[in-house]
Amino acid sequence: MARVKSSVASRRRRKKVLKAAAGRKGAKSRLYKAAHEAQLHALDYAYRGRRLRKRQMRRLWIMRINAAARQRGLTYGQLMSGLRKANVEVDRKMLAELAVNNAEAFGKLADVARAAAA
């Protein structure tokens, strides 16, 4: 059976890693092993970061909803409980958007929640 040489594939693979590592400091941009390890860590951080961003956005929405609800004499929990009892299905992202950009509509939802909670 013929011997298979992999120099072309190896070079292409190493060049791809070094190109991805461009802009890093020191050996991480020049040496394959250091660049490869740095790339693996970067991909891991990016994966983790995509999940963290979802958590952080939800926390931000909740803070905005809570602030707007308190201006109308409700807490976040009372508002959400009232909306649930009134069968109003608006997600937190949209509630936060209303709280920031459309105070009137948010006020009406708060009134609905207050009436349903009572």
C-alpha atoms as a PDB file:
ATOM      1  CA  MET A   1       0.000   0.000   0.000  1.00  0.00           C
ATOM      2  CA  ALA A   2       1.273   3.477  -0.858  1.00  0.00           C
ATOM      3  CA  ARG A   3       2.518   5.820   1.856  1.00  0.00           C
ATOM      4  CA  VAL A   4       0.346   8.872   2.412  1.00  0.00           C
ATOM      5  CA  LYS A   5       2.135  12.117   3.169  1.00  0.00           C
ATOM      6  CA  SER A   6       0.178  14.752   5.048  1.00  0.00           C
ATOM      7  CA  SER A   7       2.483  17.743   4.778  1.00  0.00           C
ATOM      8  CA  VAL A   8       0.022  19.821   2.733  1.00  0.00           C
ATOM      9  CA  ALA A   9      -2.860  19.154   5.100  1.00  0.00           C
ATOM     10  CA  SER A  10      -0.674  19.722   8.173  1.00  0.00           C
ATOM     11  CA  ARG A  11       0.654  23.018   6.855  1.00  0.00           C
ATOM     12  CA  ARG A  12      -2.842  24.172   5.949  1.00  0.00           C
ATOM     13  CA  ARG A  13      -4.137  23.220   9.408  1.00  0.00           C
ATOM     14  CA  ARG A  14      -1.267  25.024  11.174  1.00  0.00           C
ATOM     15  CA  LYS A  15      -1.613  28.121   9.006  1.00  0.00           C
ATOM     16  CA  LYS A  16      -5.332  28.233   9.824  1.00  0.00           C
ATOM     17  CA  VAL A  17      -4.588  28.177  13.561  1.00  0.00           C
ATOM     18  CA  LEU A  18      -1.855  30.829  13.281  1.00  0.00           C
ATOM     19  CA  LYS A  19      -4.111  33.052  11.197  1.00  0.00           C
ATOM     20  CA  ALA A  20      -6.839  32.786  13.847  1.00  0.00           C
ATOM     21  CA  ALA A  21      -4.233  33.680  16.507  1.00  0.00           C
ATOM     22  CA  ALA A  22      -3.103  36.837  14.717  1.00  0.00           C
ATOM     23  CA  GLY A  23      -3.120  39.835  17.020  1.00  0.00           C
ATOM     24  CA  ARG A  24      -2.344  37.896  20.196  1.00  0.00           C
ATOM     25  CA  LYS A  25       0.725  38.732  22.253  1.00  0.00           C
ATOM     26  CA  GLY A  26       4.045  36.928  22.117  1.00  0.00           C
ATOM     27  CA  ALA A  27       4.289  33.232  21.373  1.00  0.00           C
ATOM     28  CA  LYS A  28       0.509  32.874  21.128  1.00  0.00           C
ATOM     29  CA  SER A  29       0.623  34.538  17.722  1.00  0.00           C
ATOM     30  CA  ARG A  30       3.807  32.873  16.454  1.00  0.00           C
ATOM     31  CA  LEU A  31       4.185  29.356  17.823  1.00  0.00           C
ATOM     32  CA  TYR A  32       1.731  26.665  16.794  1.00  0.00           C
ATOM     33  CA  LYS A  33       1.364  24.906  20.148  1.00  0.00           C
ATOM     34  CA  ALA A  34       0.773  28.115  22.120  1.00  0.00           C
ATOM     35  CA  ALA A  35      -1.534  29.472  19.414  1.00  0.00           C
ATOM     36  CA  HIS A  36      -3.543  26.255  19.313  1.00  0.00           C
ATOM     37  CA  GLU A  37      -4.000  26.231  23.103  1.00  0.00           C
ATOM     38  CA  ALA A  38      -5.000  29.898  23.066  1.00  0.00           C
ATOM     39  CA  GLN A  39      -7.498  29.204  20.292  1.00  0.00           C
ATOM     40  CA  LEU A  40      -9.041  26.303  22.220  1.00  0.00           C
ATOM     41  CA  HIS A  41      -9.438  28.512  25.306  1.00  0.00           C
ATOM     42  CA  ALA A  42     -10.884  31.347  23.217  1.00  0.00           C
ATOM     43  CA  LEU A  43     -13.470  29.027  21.682  1.00  0.00           C
ATOM     44  CA  ASP A  44     -14.366  27.748  25.150  1.00  0.00           C
ATOM     45  CA  TYR A  45     -14.787  31.297  26.491  1.00  0.00           C
ATOM     46  CA  ALA A  46     -16.907  32.230  23.473  1.00  0.00           C
ATOM     47  CA  TYR A  47     -19.180  29.222  24.016  1.00  0.00           C
ATOM     48  CA  ARG A  48     -19.567  30.080  27.698  1.00  0.00           C
ATOM     49  CA  GLY A  49     -20.069  33.768  26.881  1.00  0.00           C
ATOM     50  CA  ARG A  50     -22.984  33.060  24.545  1.00  0.00           C
ATOM     51  CA  ARG A  51     -24.823  31.415  27.445  1.00  0.00           C
ATOM     52  CA  LEU A  52     -23.837  34.089  29.971  1.00  0.00           C
ATOM     53  CA  ARG A  53     -25.122  36.816  27.665  1.00  0.00           C
ATOM     54  CA  LYS A  54     -28.619  35.295  27.785  1.00  0.00           C
ATOM     55  CA  ARG A  55     -28.550  35.313  31.610  1.00  0.00           C
ATOM     56  CA  GLN A  56     -27.267  38.875  31.736  1.00  0.00           C
ATOM     57  CA  MET A  57     -29.944  40.110  29.335  1.00  0.00           C
ATOM     58  CA  ARG A  58     -32.689  38.481  31.402  1.00  0.00           C
ATOM     59  CA  ARG A  59     -31.296  40.151  34.554  1.00  0.00           C
ATOM     60  CA  LEU A  60     -31.281  43.517  32.763  1.00  0.00           C
ATOM     61  CA  TRP A  61     -34.889  43.087  31.615  1.00  0.00           C
ATOM     62  CA  ILE A  62     -35.978  42.178  35.145  1.00  0.00           C
ATOM     63  CA  MET A  63     -34.222  45.251  36.589  1.00  0.00           C
ATOM     64  CA  ARG A  64     -35.925  47.528  34.076  1.00  0.00           C
ATOM     65  CA  ILE A  65     -39.350  45.963  34.669  1.00  0.00           C
ATOM     66  CA  ASN A  66     -38.885  46.215  38.443  1.00  0.00           C
ATOM     67  CA  ALA A  67     -37.898  49.896  38.243  1.00  0.00           C
ATOM     68  CA  ALA A  68     -40.905  50.746  36.073  1.00  0.00           C
ATOM     69  CA  ALA A  69     -43.264  48.671  38.249  1.00  0.00           C
ATOM     70  CA  ARG A  70     -42.085  50.421  41.429  1.00  0.00           C
ATOM     71  CA  GLN A  71     -42.848  53.804  39.850  1.00  0.00           C
ATOM     72  CA  ARG A  72     -46.428  52.554  39.603  1.00  0.00           C
ATOM     73  CA  GLY A  73     -46.610  51.225  43.164  1.00  0.00           C
ATOM     74  CA  LEU A  74     -45.960  47.542  42.434  1.00  0.00           C
ATOM     75  CA  THR A  75     -43.002  45.255  42.931  1.00  0.00           C
ATOM     76  CA  TYR A  76     -41.660  43.055  40.156  1.00  0.00           C
ATOM     77  CA  GLY A  77     -43.152  39.940  41.771  1.00  0.00           C
ATOM     78  CA  GLN A  78     -46.578  41.548  42.200  1.00  0.00           C
ATOM     79  CA  LEU A  79     -46.572  42.729  38.589  1.00  0.00           C
ATOM     80  CA  MET A  80     -45.594  39.329  37.182  1.00  0.00           C
ATOM     81  CA  SER A  81     -48.045  37.493  39.447  1.00  0.00           C
ATOM     82  CA  GLY A  82     -50.873  39.849  38.461  1.00  0.00           C
ATOM     83  CA  LEU A  83     -50.109  39.491  34.755  1.00  0.00           C
ATOM     84  CA  ARG A  84     -50.082  35.704  35.119  1.00  0.00           C
ATOM     85  CA  LYS A  85     -53.449  35.741  36.917  1.00  0.00           C
ATOM     86  CA  ALA A  86     -54.871  38.033  34.225  1.00  0.00           C
ATOM     87  CA  ASN A  87     -53.638  35.601  31.522  1.00  0.00           C
ATOM     88  CA  VAL A  88     -51.497  38.298  29.916  1.00  0.00           C
ATOM     89  CA  GLU A  89     -48.706  36.565  28.032  1.00  0.00           C
ATOM     90  CA  VAL A  90     -45.990  39.143  27.485  1.00  0.00           C
ATOM     91  CA  ASP A  91     -42.398  38.019  27.875  1.00  0.00           C
ATOM     92  CA  ARG A  92     -39.829  39.905  29.926  1.00  0.00           C
ATOM     93  CA  LYS A  93     -38.026  41.233  26.874  1.00  0.00           C
ATOM     94  CA  MET A  94     -41.179  42.933  25.593  1.00  0.00           C
ATOM     95  CA  LEU A  95     -42.139  44.182  29.071  1.00  0.00           C
ATOM     96  CA  ALA A  96     -38.714  45.784  29.457  1.00  0.00           C
ATOM     97  CA  GLU A  97     -39.028  47.339  25.999  1.00  0.00           C
ATOM     98  CA  LEU A  98     -42.421  48.802  26.940  1.00  0.00           C
ATOM     99  CA  ALA A  99     -41.065  50.031  30.277  1.00  0.00           C
ATOM    100  CA  VAL A 100     -38.305  51.973  28.538  1.00  0.00           C
ATOM    101  CA  ASN A 101     -39.978  53.174  25.332  1.00  0.00           C
ATOM    102  CA  ASN A 102     -43.739  53.158  25.941  1.00  0.00           C
ATOM    103  CA  ALA A 103     -44.594  54.128  29.511  1.00  0.00           C
ATOM    104  CA  GLU A 104     -48.327  54.448  28.774  1.00  0.00           C
ATOM    105  CA  ALA A 105     -48.687  50.861  27.570  1.00  0.00           C
ATOM    106  CA  PHE A 106     -46.635  49.607  30.511  1.00  0.00           C
ATOM    107  CA  GLY A 107     -48.874  51.604  32.860  1.00  0.00           C
ATOM    108  CA  LYS A 108     -51.965  49.937  31.405  1.00  0.00           C
ATOM    109  CA  LEU A 109     -50.395  46.509  31.913  1.00  0.00           C
ATOM    110  CA  ALA A 110     -49.538  47.473  35.490  1.00  0.00           C
ATOM    111  CA  ASP A 111     -53.192  48.466  36.060  1.00  0.00           C
ATOM    112  CA  VAL A 112     -54.332  45.114  34.653  1.00  0.00           C
ATOM    113  CA  ALA A 113     -51.889  43.314  36.956  1.00  0.00           C
ATOM    114  CA  ARG A 114     -53.026  45.336  39.971  1.00  0.00           C
ATOM    115  CA  ALA A 115     -56.700  44.555  39.236  1.00  0.00           C
ATOM    116  CA  ALA A 116     -56.007  40.838  38.773  1.00  0.00           C
ATOM    117  CA  ALA A 117     -53.941  40.642  41.978  1.00  0.00           C
ATOM    118  CA  ALA A 118     -56.682  42.253  44.087  1.00  0.00           C
END
